[in-house]
PDB file of all heavy atoms in Angstrom:
ATOM      1  N   PRO A   1      -7.186  -5.415   6.446  1.00  0.00           N
ATOM      2  CA  PRO A   1      -6.040  -6.250   6.091  1.00  0.00           C
ATOM      3  C   PRO A   1      -6.333  -6.640   4.577  1.00  0.00           C
ATOM      4  O   PRO A   1      -7.524  -7.087   4.192  1.00  0.00           O
ATOM      5  CB  PRO A   1      -6.187  -7.438   6.947  1.00  0.00           C
ATOM      6  CG  PRO A   1      -6.801  -6.946   8.195  1.00  0.00           C
ATOM      7  CD  PRO A   1      -7.938  -5.915   7.659  1.00  0.00           C
ATOM      8  N   ASP A   2      -5.378  -6.579   3.711  1.00  0.00           N
ATOM      9  CA  ASP A   2      -5.448  -7.091   2.323  1.00  0.00           C
ATOM     10  C   ASP A   2      -5.077  -8.552   2.285  1.00  0.00           C
ATOM     11  O   ASP A   2      -3.929  -8.960   2.487  1.00  0.00           O
ATOM     12  CB  ASP A   2      -4.555  -6.243   1.379  1.00  0.00           C
ATOM     13  CG  ASP A   2      -4.860  -6.440  -0.088  1.00  0.00           C
ATOM     14  OD1 ASP A   2      -5.298  -7.535  -0.386  1.00  0.00           O
ATOM     15  OD2 ASP A   2      -4.445  -5.531  -0.812  1.00  0.00           O
ATOM     16  N   ARG A   3      -5.964  -9.408   2.085  1.00  0.00           N
ATOM     17  CA  ARG A   3      -5.830 -10.804   2.172  1.00  0.00           C
ATOM     18  C   ARG A   3      -4.911 -11.182   1.000  1.00  0.00           C
ATOM     19  O   ARG A   3      -4.421 -12.404   1.045  1.00  0.00           O
ATOM     20  CB  ARG A   3      -7.223 -11.584   2.021  1.00  0.00           C
ATOM     21  CG  ARG A   3      -8.172 -11.155   3.087  1.00  0.00           C
ATOM     22  CD  ARG A   3      -7.764 -11.571   4.429  1.00  0.00           C
ATOM     23  NE  ARG A   3      -8.670 -11.067   5.427  1.00  0.00           N
ATOM     24  CZ  ARG A   3      -8.580 -11.253   6.760  1.00  0.00           C
ATOM     25  NH1 ARG A   3      -7.514 -11.887   7.206  1.00  0.00           N
ATOM     26  NH2 ARG A   3      -9.473 -10.820   7.567  1.00  0.00           N
ATOM     27  N   GLU A   4      -4.576 -10.354  -0.051  1.00  0.00           N
ATOM     28  CA  GLU A   4      -3.756 -10.688  -1.135  1.00  0.00           C
ATOM     29  C   GLU A   4      -2.380 -10.440  -0.706  1.00  0.00           C
ATOM     30  O   GLU A   4      -1.404 -10.842  -1.492  1.00  0.00           O
ATOM     31  CB  GLU A   4      -4.128  -9.965  -2.427  1.00  0.00           C
ATOM     32  CG  GLU A   4      -5.472 -10.413  -2.897  1.00  0.00           C
ATOM     33  CD  GLU A   4      -5.846  -9.581  -4.142  1.00  0.00           C
ATOM     34  OE1 GLU A   4      -5.083  -8.800  -4.566  1.00  0.00           O
ATOM     35  OE2 GLU A   4      -6.859  -9.984  -4.725  1.00  0.00           O
ATOM     36  N   ASP A   5      -2.121  -9.647   0.409  1.00  0.00           N
ATOM     37  CA  ASP A   5      -0.796  -9.324   0.862  1.00  0.00           C
ATOM     38  C   ASP A   5      -0.077 -10.505   1.559  1.00  0.00           C
ATOM     39  O   ASP A   5      -0.704 -10.932   2.683  1.00  0.00           O
ATOM     40  CB  ASP A   5      -0.788  -8.231   1.579  1.00  0.00           C
ATOM     41  CG  ASP A   5      -1.032  -6.791   0.877  1.00  0.00           C
ATOM     42  OD1 ASP A   5      -1.004  -6.865  -0.420  1.00  0.00           O
ATOM     43  OD2 ASP A   5      -1.303  -5.857   1.561  1.00  0.00           O
ATOM     44  N   PRO A   6       0.897 -11.167   1.108  1.00  0.00           N
ATOM     45  CA  PRO A   6       1.634 -12.265   1.801  1.00  0.00           C
ATOM     46  C   PRO A   6       2.249 -11.741   3.050  1.00  0.00           C
ATOM     47  O   PRO A   6       2.559 -10.587   3.263  1.00  0.00           O
ATOM     48  CB  PRO A   6       2.578 -12.842   0.780  1.00  0.00           C
ATOM     49  CG  PRO A   6       2.883 -11.602  -0.006  1.00  0.00           C
ATOM     50  CD  PRO A   6       1.708 -10.769  -0.090  1.00  0.00           C
ATOM     51  N   ARG A   7       2.602 -12.755   3.898  1.00  0.00           N
ATOM     52  CA  ARG A   7       3.386 -12.464   5.213  1.00  0.00           C
ATOM     53  C   ARG A   7       4.679 -11.899   4.871  1.00  0.00           C
ATOM     54  O   ARG A   7       5.347 -11.242   5.756  1.00  0.00           O
ATOM     55  CB  ARG A   7       3.437 -13.667   6.038  1.00  0.00           C
ATOM     56  CG  ARG A   7       2.139 -14.235   6.475  1.00  0.00           C
ATOM     57  CD  ARG A   7       2.331 -15.473   7.295  1.00  0.00           C
ATOM     58  NE  ARG A   7       1.043 -16.078   7.757  1.00  0.00           N
ATOM     59  CZ  ARG A   7       0.512 -15.805   8.891  1.00  0.00           C
ATOM     60  NH1 ARG A   7       1.101 -14.973   9.822  1.00  0.00           N
ATOM     61  NH2 ARG A   7      -0.676 -16.248   9.312  1.00  0.00           N
ATOM     62  N   THR A   8       5.256 -12.162   3.801  1.00  0.00           N
ATOM     63  CA  THR A   8       6.596 -11.740   3.259  1.00  0.00           C
ATOM     64  C   THR A   8       6.556 -10.336   2.667  1.00  0.00           C
ATOM     65  O   THR A   8       7.495  -9.926   2.011  1.00  0.00           O
ATOM     66  CB  THR A   8       7.258 -12.650   2.427  1.00  0.00           C
ATOM     67  OG1 THR A   8       6.368 -12.818   1.236  1.00  0.00           O
ATOM     68  CG2 THR A   8       7.603 -14.083   3.091  1.00  0.00           C
ATOM     69  N   LEU A   9       5.418  -9.554   2.853  1.00  0.00           N
ATOM     70  CA  LEU A   9       5.304  -8.280   2.168  1.00  0.00           C
ATOM     71  C   LEU A   9       6.325  -7.349   2.811  1.00  0.00           C
ATOM     72  O   LEU A   9       6.619  -7.111   3.836  1.00  0.00           O
ATOM     73  CB  LEU A   9       3.833  -7.698   2.538  1.00  0.00           C
ATOM     74  CG  LEU A   9       3.527  -6.373   1.978  1.00  0.00           C
ATOM     75  CD1 LEU A   9       3.326  -6.444   0.480  1.00  0.00           C
ATOM     76  CD2 LEU A   9       2.347  -5.821   2.625  1.00  0.00           C
ATOM     77  N   ASN A  10       6.943  -6.623   1.740  1.00  0.00           N
ATOM     78  CA  ASN A  10       7.797  -5.350   2.013  1.00  0.00           C
ATOM     79  C   ASN A  10       6.976  -4.188   1.727  1.00  0.00           C
ATOM     80  O   ASN A  10       6.160  -4.243   0.690  1.00  0.00           O
ATOM     81  CB  ASN A  10       9.102  -5.406   1.182  1.00  0.00           C
ATOM     82  CG  ASN A  10       9.999  -6.502   1.548  1.00  0.00           C
ATOM     83  OD1 ASN A  10      10.211  -6.862   2.739  1.00  0.00           O
ATOM     84  ND2 ASN A  10      10.435  -7.219   0.546  1.00  0.00           N
ATOM     85  N   PHE A  11       7.132  -3.146   2.460  1.00  0.00           N
ATOM     86  CA  PHE A  11       6.273  -1.976   2.152  1.00  0.00           C
ATOM     87  C   PHE A  11       7.052  -0.613   2.512  1.00  0.00           C
ATOM     88  O   PHE A  11       8.022  -0.685   3.246  1.00  0.00           O
ATOM     89  CB  PHE A  11       4.929  -2.014   3.024  1.00  0.00           C
ATOM     90  CG  PHE A  11       5.226  -2.104   4.418  1.00  0.00           C
ATOM     91  CD1 PHE A  11       5.339  -0.884   5.232  1.00  0.00           C
ATOM     92  CD2 PHE A  11       5.310  -3.321   5.071  1.00  0.00           C
ATOM     93  CE1 PHE A  11       5.591  -0.964   6.552  1.00  0.00           C
ATOM     94  CE2 PHE A  11       5.379  -3.234   6.490  1.00  0.00           C
ATOM     95  CZ  PHE A  11       5.550  -2.132   7.219  1.00  0.00           C
ATOM     96  N   GLU A  12       6.561   0.468   2.112  1.00  0.00           N
ATOM     97  CA  GLU A  12       7.014   1.784   2.492  1.00  0.00           C
ATOM     98  C   GLU A  12       5.946   2.788   2.412  1.00  0.00           C
ATOM     99  O   GLU A  12       5.171   2.794   1.340  1.00  0.00           O
ATOM    100  CB  GLU A  12       8.241   2.210   1.743  1.00  0.00           C
ATOM    101  CG  GLU A  12       8.636   3.627   2.133  1.00  0.00           C
ATOM    102  CD  GLU A  12      10.080   3.914   1.707  1.00  0.00           C
ATOM    103  OE1 GLU A  12      10.801   2.913   1.207  1.00  0.00           O
ATOM    104  OE2 GLU A  12      10.508   5.074   1.815  1.00  0.00           O
ATOM    105  N   VAL A  13       5.628   3.464   3.446  1.00  0.00           N
ATOM    106  CA  VAL A  13       4.689   4.579   3.461  1.00  0.00           C
ATOM    107  C   VAL A  13       5.196   5.739   2.655  1.00  0.00           C
ATOM    108  O   VAL A  13       6.160   6.360   3.160  1.00  0.00           O
ATOM    109  CB  VAL A  13       4.144   5.026   4.887  1.00  0.00           C
ATOM    110  CG1 VAL A  13       3.159   6.019   4.763  1.00  0.00           C
ATOM    111  CG2 VAL A  13       3.593   3.800   5.673  1.00  0.00           C
ATOM    112  N   VAL A  14       4.624   6.078   1.474  1.00  0.00           N
ATOM    113  CA  VAL A  14       5.313   7.048   0.550  1.00  0.00           C
ATOM    114  C   VAL A  14       4.870   8.436   1.125  1.00  0.00           C
ATOM    115  O   VAL A  14       5.738   9.272   1.362  1.00  0.00           O
ATOM    116  CB  VAL A  14       4.798   6.908  -0.797  1.00  0.00           C
ATOM    117  CG1 VAL A  14       5.399   8.153  -1.698  1.00  0.00           C
ATOM    118  CG2 VAL A  14       5.180   5.548  -1.281  1.00  0.00           C
ATOM    119  N   GLY A  15       3.563   8.677   1.513  1.00  0.00           N
ATOM    120  CA  GLY A  15       3.132   9.927   2.133  1.00  0.00           C
ATOM    121  C   GLY A  15       1.883  10.332   1.667  1.00  0.00           C
ATOM    122  O   GLY A  15       0.959   9.417   1.138  1.00  0.00           O
ATOM    123  N   LYS A  16       1.295  11.442   1.965  1.00  0.00           N
ATOM    124  CA  LYS A  16       0.022  12.002   1.608  1.00  0.00           C
ATOM    125  C   LYS A  16       0.296  12.807   0.321  1.00  0.00           C
ATOM    126  O   LYS A  16       0.910  13.762   0.192  1.00  0.00           O
ATOM    127  CB  LYS A  16      -0.433  12.866   2.679  1.00  0.00           C
ATOM    128  CG  LYS A  16      -1.971  13.266   2.608  1.00  0.00           C
ATOM    129  CD  LYS A  16      -2.298  14.129   3.769  1.00  0.00           C
ATOM    130  CE  LYS A  16      -3.784  14.485   3.762  1.00  0.00           C
ATOM    131  NZ  LYS A  16      -4.270  15.083   4.826  1.00  0.00           N
ATOM    132  N   ILE A  17      -0.396  12.176  -0.784  1.00  0.00           N
ATOM    133  CA  ILE A  17      -0.260  12.746  -2.077  1.00  0.00           C
ATOM    134  C   ILE A  17      -1.622  13.060  -2.616  1.00  0.00           C
ATOM    135  O   ILE A  17      -2.577  12.202  -2.816  1.00  0.00           O
ATOM    136  CB  ILE A  17       0.291  11.645  -3.033  1.00  0.00           C
ATOM    137  CG1 ILE A  17       1.597  11.135  -2.433  1.00  0.00           C
ATOM    138  CG2 ILE A  17       0.566  12.362  -4.427  1.00  0.00           C
ATOM    139  CD1 ILE A  17       2.738  12.039  -2.290  1.00  0.00           C
ATOM    140  N   GLY A  18      -1.850  14.399  -2.820  1.00  0.00           N
ATOM    141  CA  GLY A  18      -3.234  14.811  -3.412  1.00  0.00           C
ATOM    142  C   GLY A  18      -4.370  14.450  -2.522  1.00  0.00           C
ATOM    143  O   GLY A  18      -5.438  14.111  -3.010  1.00  0.00           O
ATOM    144  N   GLY A  19      -4.153  14.509  -1.247  1.00  0.00           N
ATOM    145  CA  GLY A  19      -5.153  14.186  -0.249  1.00  0.00           C
ATOM    146  C   GLY A  19      -5.420  12.727   0.011  1.00  0.00           C
ATOM    147  O   GLY A  19      -6.198  12.262   0.774  1.00  0.00           O
ATOM    148  N   LYS A  20      -4.725  11.852  -0.757  1.00  0.00           N
ATOM    149  CA  LYS A  20      -4.690  10.392  -0.551  1.00  0.00           C
ATOM    150  C   LYS A  20      -3.390   9.890   0.074  1.00  0.00           C
ATOM    151  O   LYS A  20      -2.441  10.574   0.013  1.00  0.00           O
ATOM    152  CB  LYS A  20      -4.877   9.770  -1.955  1.00  0.00           C
ATOM    153  CG  LYS A  20      -6.003  10.247  -2.762  1.00  0.00           C
ATOM    154  CD  LYS A  20      -7.288   9.685  -2.275  1.00  0.00           C
ATOM    155  CE  LYS A  20      -8.483  10.024  -3.008  1.00  0.00           C
ATOM    156  NZ  LYS A  20      -8.532   9.297  -4.435  1.00  0.00           N
ATOM    157  N   PHE A  21      -3.542   8.657   0.542  1.00  0.00           N
ATOM    158  CA  PHE A  21      -2.347   8.147   1.278  1.00  0.00           C
ATOM    159  C   PHE A  21      -1.740   7.035   0.341  1.00  0.00           C
ATOM    160  O   PHE A  21      -2.479   6.102   0.030  1.00  0.00           O
ATOM    161  CB  PHE A  21      -2.711   7.551   2.580  1.00  0.00           C
ATOM    162  CG  PHE A  21      -3.105   8.641   3.571  1.00  0.00           C
ATOM    163  CD1 PHE A  21      -4.485   8.887   3.859  1.00  0.00           C
ATOM    164  CD2 PHE A  21      -2.193   9.453   4.240  1.00  0.00           C
ATOM    165  CE1 PHE A  21      -4.932   9.878   4.613  1.00  0.00           C
ATOM    166  CE2 PHE A  21      -2.699  10.558   5.072  1.00  0.00           C
ATOM    167  CZ  PHE A  21      -3.974  10.712   5.323  1.00  0.00           C
ATOM    168  N   LEU A  22      -0.446   7.134   0.039  1.00  0.00           N
ATOM    169  CA  LEU A  22       0.096   6.218  -1.016  1.00  0.00           C
ATOM    170  C   LEU A  22       1.034   5.405  -0.265  1.00  0.00           C
ATOM    171  O   LEU A  22       1.916   5.773   0.514  1.00  0.00           O
ATOM    172  CB  LEU A  22       0.808   7.039  -2.098  1.00  0.00           C
ATOM    173  CG  LEU A  22       1.350   6.273  -3.314  1.00  0.00           C
ATOM    174  CD1 LEU A  22       0.065   5.731  -4.014  1.00  0.00           C
ATOM    175  CD2 LEU A  22       2.043   7.231  -4.185  1.00  0.00           C
ATOM    176  N   ILE A  23       0.982   4.054  -0.502  1.00  0.00           N
ATOM    177  CA  ILE A  23       1.861   3.028   0.161  1.00  0.00           C
ATOM    178  C   ILE A  23       2.235   2.050  -0.818  1.00  0.00           C
ATOM    179  O   ILE A  23       1.595   1.536  -1.602  1.00  0.00           O
ATOM    180  CB  ILE A  23       1.015   2.235   1.328  1.00  0.00           C
ATOM    181  CG1 ILE A  23       0.586   3.268   2.360  1.00  0.00           C
ATOM    182  CG2 ILE A  23       1.917   1.137   1.815  1.00  0.00           C
ATOM    183  CD1 ILE A  23      -0.193   2.694   3.476  1.00  0.00           C
ATOM    184  N   TYR A  24       3.674   1.909  -0.877  1.00  0.00           N
ATOM    185  CA  TYR A  24       4.306   0.915  -1.905  1.00  0.00           C
ATOM    186  C   TYR A  24       4.372  -0.335  -1.257  1.00  0.00           C
ATOM    187  O   TYR A  24       4.779  -0.506  -0.128  1.00  0.00           O
ATOM    188  CB  TYR A  24       5.654   1.566  -2.187  1.00  0.00           C
ATOM    189  CG  TYR A  24       6.558   0.568  -2.860  1.00  0.00           C
ATOM    190  CD1 TYR A  24       6.513   0.232  -4.204  1.00  0.00           C
ATOM    191  CD2 TYR A  24       7.562   0.027  -2.217  1.00  0.00           C
ATOM    192  CE1 TYR A  24       7.320  -0.738  -4.713  1.00  0.00           C
ATOM    193  CE2 TYR A  24       8.468  -0.965  -2.718  1.00  0.00           C
ATOM    194  CZ  TYR A  24       8.358  -1.321  -4.041  1.00  0.00           C
ATOM    195  OH  TYR A  24       9.155  -2.185  -4.571  1.00  0.00           O
ATOM    196  N   LYS A  25       4.071  -1.441  -2.027  1.00  0.00           N
ATOM    197  CA  LYS A  25       4.212  -2.779  -1.516  1.00  0.00           C
ATOM    198  C   LYS A  25       4.976  -3.623  -2.457  1.00  0.00           C
ATOM    199  O   LYS A  25       4.731  -3.501  -3.708  1.00  0.00           O
ATOM    200  CB  LYS A  25       2.731  -3.319  -1.268  1.00  0.00           C
ATOM    201  CG  LYS A  25       1.915  -2.569  -0.234  1.00  0.00           C
ATOM    202  CD  LYS A  25       0.598  -3.196  -0.099  1.00  0.00           C
ATOM    203  CE  LYS A  25      -0.348  -2.342   0.894  1.00  0.00           C
ATOM    204  NZ  LYS A  25      -1.703  -3.044   1.007  1.00  0.00           N
ATOM    205  N   ASN A  26       5.730  -4.520  -1.903  1.00  0.00           N
ATOM    206  CA  ASN A  26       6.463  -5.429  -2.825  1.00  0.00           C
ATOM    207  C   ASN A  26       6.519  -6.764  -2.204  1.00  0.00           C
ATOM    208  O   ASN A  26       6.789  -6.918  -0.933  1.00  0.00           O
ATOM    209  CB  ASN A  26       7.916  -4.900  -3.001  1.00  0.00           C
ATOM    210  CG  ASN A  26       8.896  -5.895  -3.402  1.00  0.00           C
ATOM    211  OD1 ASN A  26       9.929  -6.182  -2.737  1.00  0.00           O
ATOM    212  ND2 ASN A  26       8.739  -6.614  -4.522  1.00  0.00           N
ATOM    213  N   ALA A  27       6.171  -7.789  -2.955  1.00  0.00           N
ATOM    214  CA  ALA A  27       6.224  -9.177  -2.598  1.00  0.00           C
ATOM    215  C   ALA A  27       6.825 -10.056  -3.553  1.00  0.00           C
ATOM    216  O   ALA A  27       6.286 -10.067  -4.739  1.00  0.00           O
ATOM    217  CB  ALA A  27       4.850  -9.738  -2.077  1.00  0.00           C
ATOM    218  N   ARG A  28       8.032 -10.613  -3.439  1.00  0.00           N
ATOM    219  CA  ARG A  28       8.709 -11.295  -4.482  1.00  0.00           C
ATOM    220  C   ARG A  28       8.996 -10.388  -5.718  1.00  0.00           C
ATOM    221  O   ARG A  28       9.639  -9.368  -5.530  1.00  0.00           O
ATOM    222  CB  ARG A  28       7.948 -12.466  -4.838  1.00  0.00           C
ATOM    223  CG  ARG A  28       7.821 -13.548  -3.705  1.00  0.00           C
ATOM    224  CD  ARG A  28       7.024 -14.807  -4.125  1.00  0.00           C
ATOM    225  NE  ARG A  28       5.673 -14.614  -4.267  1.00  0.00           N
ATOM    226  CZ  ARG A  28       4.818 -14.551  -3.305  1.00  0.00           C
ATOM    227  NH1 ARG A  28       5.179 -14.771  -2.052  1.00  0.00           N
ATOM    228  NH2 ARG A  28       3.535 -14.306  -3.545  1.00  0.00           N
ATOM    229  N   ASP A  29       8.329 -10.737  -6.798  1.00  0.00           N
ATOM    230  CA  ASP A  29       8.666  -9.838  -7.999  1.00  0.00           C
ATOM    231  C   ASP A  29       7.392  -8.895  -8.307  1.00  0.00           C
ATOM    232  O   ASP A  29       7.305  -8.324  -9.410  1.00  0.00           O
ATOM    233  CB  ASP A  29       9.035 -10.691  -9.128  1.00  0.00           C
ATOM    234  CG  ASP A  29      10.239 -11.350  -8.966  1.00  0.00           C
ATOM    235  OD1 ASP A  29      11.210 -10.769  -8.375  1.00  0.00           O
ATOM    236  OD2 ASP A  29      10.511 -12.439  -9.569  1.00  0.00           O
ATOM    237  N   ASP A  30       6.401  -8.781  -7.348  1.00  0.00           N
ATOM    238  CA  ASP A  30       5.172  -8.088  -7.583  1.00  0.00           C
ATOM    239  C   ASP A  30       5.410  -6.701  -6.910  1.00  0.00           C
ATOM    240  O   ASP A  30       5.650  -6.763  -5.665  1.00  0.00           O
ATOM    241  CB  ASP A  30       3.956  -8.805  -7.216  1.00  0.00           C
ATOM    242  CG  ASP A  30       3.617  -9.998  -8.018  1.00  0.00           C
ATOM    243  OD1 ASP A  30       4.057  -9.961  -9.196  1.00  0.00           O
ATOM    244  OD2 ASP A  30       3.201 -10.946  -7.449  1.00  0.00           O
ATOM    245  N   HIS A  31       5.129  -5.627  -7.589  1.00  0.00           N
ATOM    246  CA  HIS A  31       5.295  -4.308  -7.085  1.00  0.00           C
ATOM    247  C   HIS A  31       3.954  -3.594  -7.284  1.00  0.00           C
ATOM    248  O   HIS A  31       3.498  -3.436  -8.424  1.00  0.00           O
ATOM    249  CB  HIS A  31       6.433  -3.462  -7.689  1.00  0.00           C
ATOM    250  CG  HIS A  31       7.682  -4.233  -7.538  1.00  0.00           C
ATOM    251  ND1 HIS A  31       8.732  -3.938  -6.608  1.00  0.00           N
ATOM    252  CD2 HIS A  31       8.245  -5.238  -8.270  1.00  0.00           C
ATOM    253  CE1 HIS A  31       9.733  -4.721  -6.862  1.00  0.00           C
ATOM    254  NE2 HIS A  31       9.535  -5.547  -7.735  1.00  0.00           N
ATOM    255  N   PHE A  32       3.344  -2.929  -6.209  1.00  0.00           N
ATOM    256  CA  PHE A  32       2.061  -2.336  -6.220  1.00  0.00           C
ATOM    257  C   PHE A  32       2.136  -1.008  -5.526  1.00  0.00           C
ATOM    258  O   PHE A  32       2.882  -0.881  -4.594  1.00  0.00           O
ATOM    259  CB  PHE A  32       1.046  -3.128  -5.559  1.00  0.00           C
ATOM    260  CG  PHE A  32       0.733  -4.355  -6.428  1.00  0.00           C
ATOM    261  CD1 PHE A  32       1.400  -5.613  -6.099  1.00  0.00           C
ATOM    262  CD2 PHE A  32      -0.326  -4.423  -7.401  1.00  0.00           C
ATOM    263  CE1 PHE A  32       1.064  -6.829  -6.801  1.00  0.00           C
ATOM    264  CE2 PHE A  32      -0.602  -5.613  -7.978  1.00  0.00           C
ATOM    265  CZ  PHE A  32       0.091  -6.683  -7.751  1.00  0.00           C
ATOM    266  N   PHE A  33       1.223  -0.083  -5.914  1.00  0.00           N
ATOM    267  CA  PHE A  33       0.908   1.115  -5.110  1.00  0.00           C
ATOM    268  C   PHE A  33      -0.470   1.053  -4.671  1.00  0.00           C
ATOM    269  O   PHE A  33      -1.429   0.983  -5.484  1.00  0.00           O
ATOM    270  CB  PHE A  33       1.140   2.360  -5.978  1.00  0.00           C
ATOM    271  CG  PHE A  33       2.532   2.582  -6.390  1.00  0.00           C
ATOM    272  CD1 PHE A  33       3.084   2.255  -7.419  1.00  0.00           C
ATOM    273  CD2 PHE A  33       3.425   3.217  -5.341  1.00  0.00           C
ATOM    274  CE1 PHE A  33       4.524   2.525  -7.742  1.00  0.00           C
ATOM    275  CE2 PHE A  33       4.785   3.492  -5.523  1.00  0.00           C
ATOM    276  CZ  PHE A  33       5.319   3.049  -6.753  1.00  0.00           C
ATOM    277  N   SER A  34      -0.706   1.029  -3.337  1.00  0.00           N
ATOM    278  CA  SER A  34      -2.008   1.020  -2.709  1.00  0.00           C
ATOM    279  C   SER A  34      -2.408   2.498  -2.357  1.00  0.00           C
ATOM    280  O   SER A  34      -1.589   3.165  -1.770  1.00  0.00           O
ATOM    281  CB  SER A  34      -2.093   0.074  -1.543  1.00  0.00           C
ATOM    282  OG  SER A  34      -1.936  -1.312  -1.992  1.00  0.00           O
ATOM    283  N   VAL A  35      -3.530   2.815  -2.676  1.00  0.00           N
ATOM    284  CA  VAL A  35      -4.081   4.189  -2.315  1.00  0.00           C
ATOM    285  C   VAL A  35      -5.277   4.133  -1.500  1.00  0.00           C
ATOM    286  O   VAL A  35      -6.225   3.284  -1.614  1.00  0.00           O
ATOM    287  CB  VAL A  35      -4.670   4.837  -3.671  1.00  0.00           C
ATOM    288  CG1 VAL A  35      -5.056   6.226  -3.372  1.00  0.00           C
ATOM    289  CG2 VAL A  35      -3.574   4.873  -4.782  1.00  0.00           C
ATOM    290  N   TYR A  36      -5.165   4.899  -0.316  1.00  0.00           N
ATOM    291  CA  TYR A  36      -6.106   4.904   0.713  1.00  0.00           C
ATOM    292  C   TYR A  36      -6.793   6.286   0.799  1.00  0.00           C
ATOM    293  O   TYR A  36      -6.037   7.241   0.624  1.00  0.00           O
ATOM    294  CB  TYR A  36      -5.524   4.537   2.061  1.00  0.00           C
ATOM    295  CG  TYR A  36      -4.996   3.009   2.024  1.00  0.00           C
ATOM    296  CD1 TYR A  36      -3.691   2.827   1.648  1.00  0.00           C
ATOM    297  CD2 TYR A  36      -5.815   2.020   2.516  1.00  0.00           C
ATOM    298  CE1 TYR A  36      -3.227   1.464   1.650  1.00  0.00           C
ATOM    299  CE2 TYR A  36      -5.308   0.612   2.555  1.00  0.00           C
ATOM    300  CZ  TYR A  36      -3.964   0.327   2.074  1.00  0.00           C
ATOM    301  OH  TYR A  36      -3.519  -0.846   2.017  1.00  0.00           O
ATOM    302  N   ASP A  37      -8.080   6.390   1.148  1.00  0.00           N
ATOM    303  CA  ASP A  37      -8.676   7.693   1.408  1.00  0.00           C
ATOM    304  C   ASP A  37      -8.483   8.039   2.911  1.00  0.00           C
ATOM    305  O   ASP A  37      -7.671   7.524   3.667  1.00  0.00           O
ATOM    306  CB  ASP A  37     -10.193   7.612   1.050  1.00  0.00           C
ATOM    307  CG  ASP A  37     -11.029   6.684   1.931  1.00  0.00           C
ATOM    308  OD1 ASP A  37     -10.459   6.272   2.929  1.00  0.00           O
ATOM    309  OD2 ASP A  37     -12.070   6.288   1.468  1.00  0.00           O
ATOM    310  N   SER A  38      -9.144   9.184   3.281  1.00  0.00           N
ATOM    311  CA  SER A  38      -9.028   9.716   4.496  1.00  0.00           C
ATOM    312  C   SER A  38      -9.482   8.936   5.672  1.00  0.00           C
ATOM    313  O   SER A  38      -9.104   8.946   6.894  1.00  0.00           O
ATOM    314  CB  SER A  38      -9.776  11.095   4.732  1.00  0.00           C
ATOM    315  OG  SER A  38     -11.125  10.928   4.484  1.00  0.00           O
ATOM    316  N   GLU A  39     -10.268   7.921   5.305  1.00  0.00           N
ATOM    317  CA  GLU A  39     -10.721   6.850   6.323  1.00  0.00           C
ATOM    318  C   GLU A  39      -9.953   5.576   6.229  1.00  0.00           C
ATOM    319  O   GLU A  39     -10.447   4.521   6.703  1.00  0.00           O
ATOM    320  CB  GLU A  39     -12.330   6.680   6.203  1.00  0.00           C
ATOM    321  CG  GLU A  39     -13.132   7.867   6.431  1.00  0.00           C
ATOM    322  CD  GLU A  39     -12.904   8.455   7.830  1.00  0.00           C
ATOM    323  OE1 GLU A  39     -12.878   7.615   8.725  1.00  0.00           O
ATOM    324  OE2 GLU A  39     -12.784   9.680   8.017  1.00  0.00           O
ATOM    325  N   MET A  40      -8.894   5.550   5.483  1.00  0.00           N
ATOM    326  CA  MET A  40      -8.106   4.447   5.360  1.00  0.00           C
ATOM    327  C   MET A  40      -8.758   3.263   4.519  1.00  0.00           C
ATOM    328  O   MET A  40      -8.452   2.166   4.870  1.00  0.00           O
ATOM    329  CB  MET A  40      -7.452   3.939   6.633  1.00  0.00           C
ATOM    330  CG  MET A  40      -6.436   4.972   7.226  1.00  0.00           C
ATOM    331  SD  MET A  40      -5.251   5.526   6.061  1.00  0.00           S
ATOM    332  CE  MET A  40      -4.206   3.969   5.853  1.00  0.00           C
ATOM    333  N   LYS A  41      -9.701   3.632   3.755  1.00  0.00           N
ATOM    334  CA  LYS A  41     -10.344   2.694   2.818  1.00  0.00           C
ATOM    335  C   LYS A  41      -9.502   2.566   1.547  1.00  0.00           C
ATOM    336  O   LYS A  41      -9.216   3.548   1.005  1.00  0.00           O
ATOM    337  CB  LYS A  41     -11.830   3.090   2.522  1.00  0.00           C
ATOM    338  CG  LYS A  41     -12.720   3.253   3.712  1.00  0.00           C
ATOM    339  CD  LYS A  41     -12.902   1.824   4.497  1.00  0.00           C
ATOM    340  CE  LYS A  41     -13.841   2.069   5.617  1.00  0.00           C
ATOM    341  NZ  LYS A  41     -13.948   0.788   6.437  1.00  0.00           N
ATOM    342  N   LEU A  42      -9.242   1.318   1.174  1.00  0.00           N
ATOM    343  CA  LEU A  42      -8.509   1.069  -0.071  1.00  0.00           C
ATOM    344  C   LEU A  42      -9.345   1.485  -1.315  1.00  0.00           C
ATOM    345  O   LEU A  42     -10.455   0.948  -1.681  1.00  0.00           O
ATOM    346  CB  LEU A  42      -8.096  -0.341  -0.108  1.00  0.00           C
ATOM    347  CG  LEU A  42      -7.201  -0.716  -1.347  1.00  0.00           C
ATOM    348  CD1 LEU A  42      -5.856  -0.131  -1.304  1.00  0.00           C
ATOM    349  CD2 LEU A  42      -7.094  -2.346  -1.470  1.00  0.00           C
TER     350      LEU A  42
END
């Protein structure tokens, strides 16, 4: 769990890109792309 992600987080699993897993996150006016490896480590 990312402790910086608020309860009001919006997200979308983008997909597997270049062997990594890309997830878009949006909370209020902040927009991020989180990248995870094959073991789901950020």
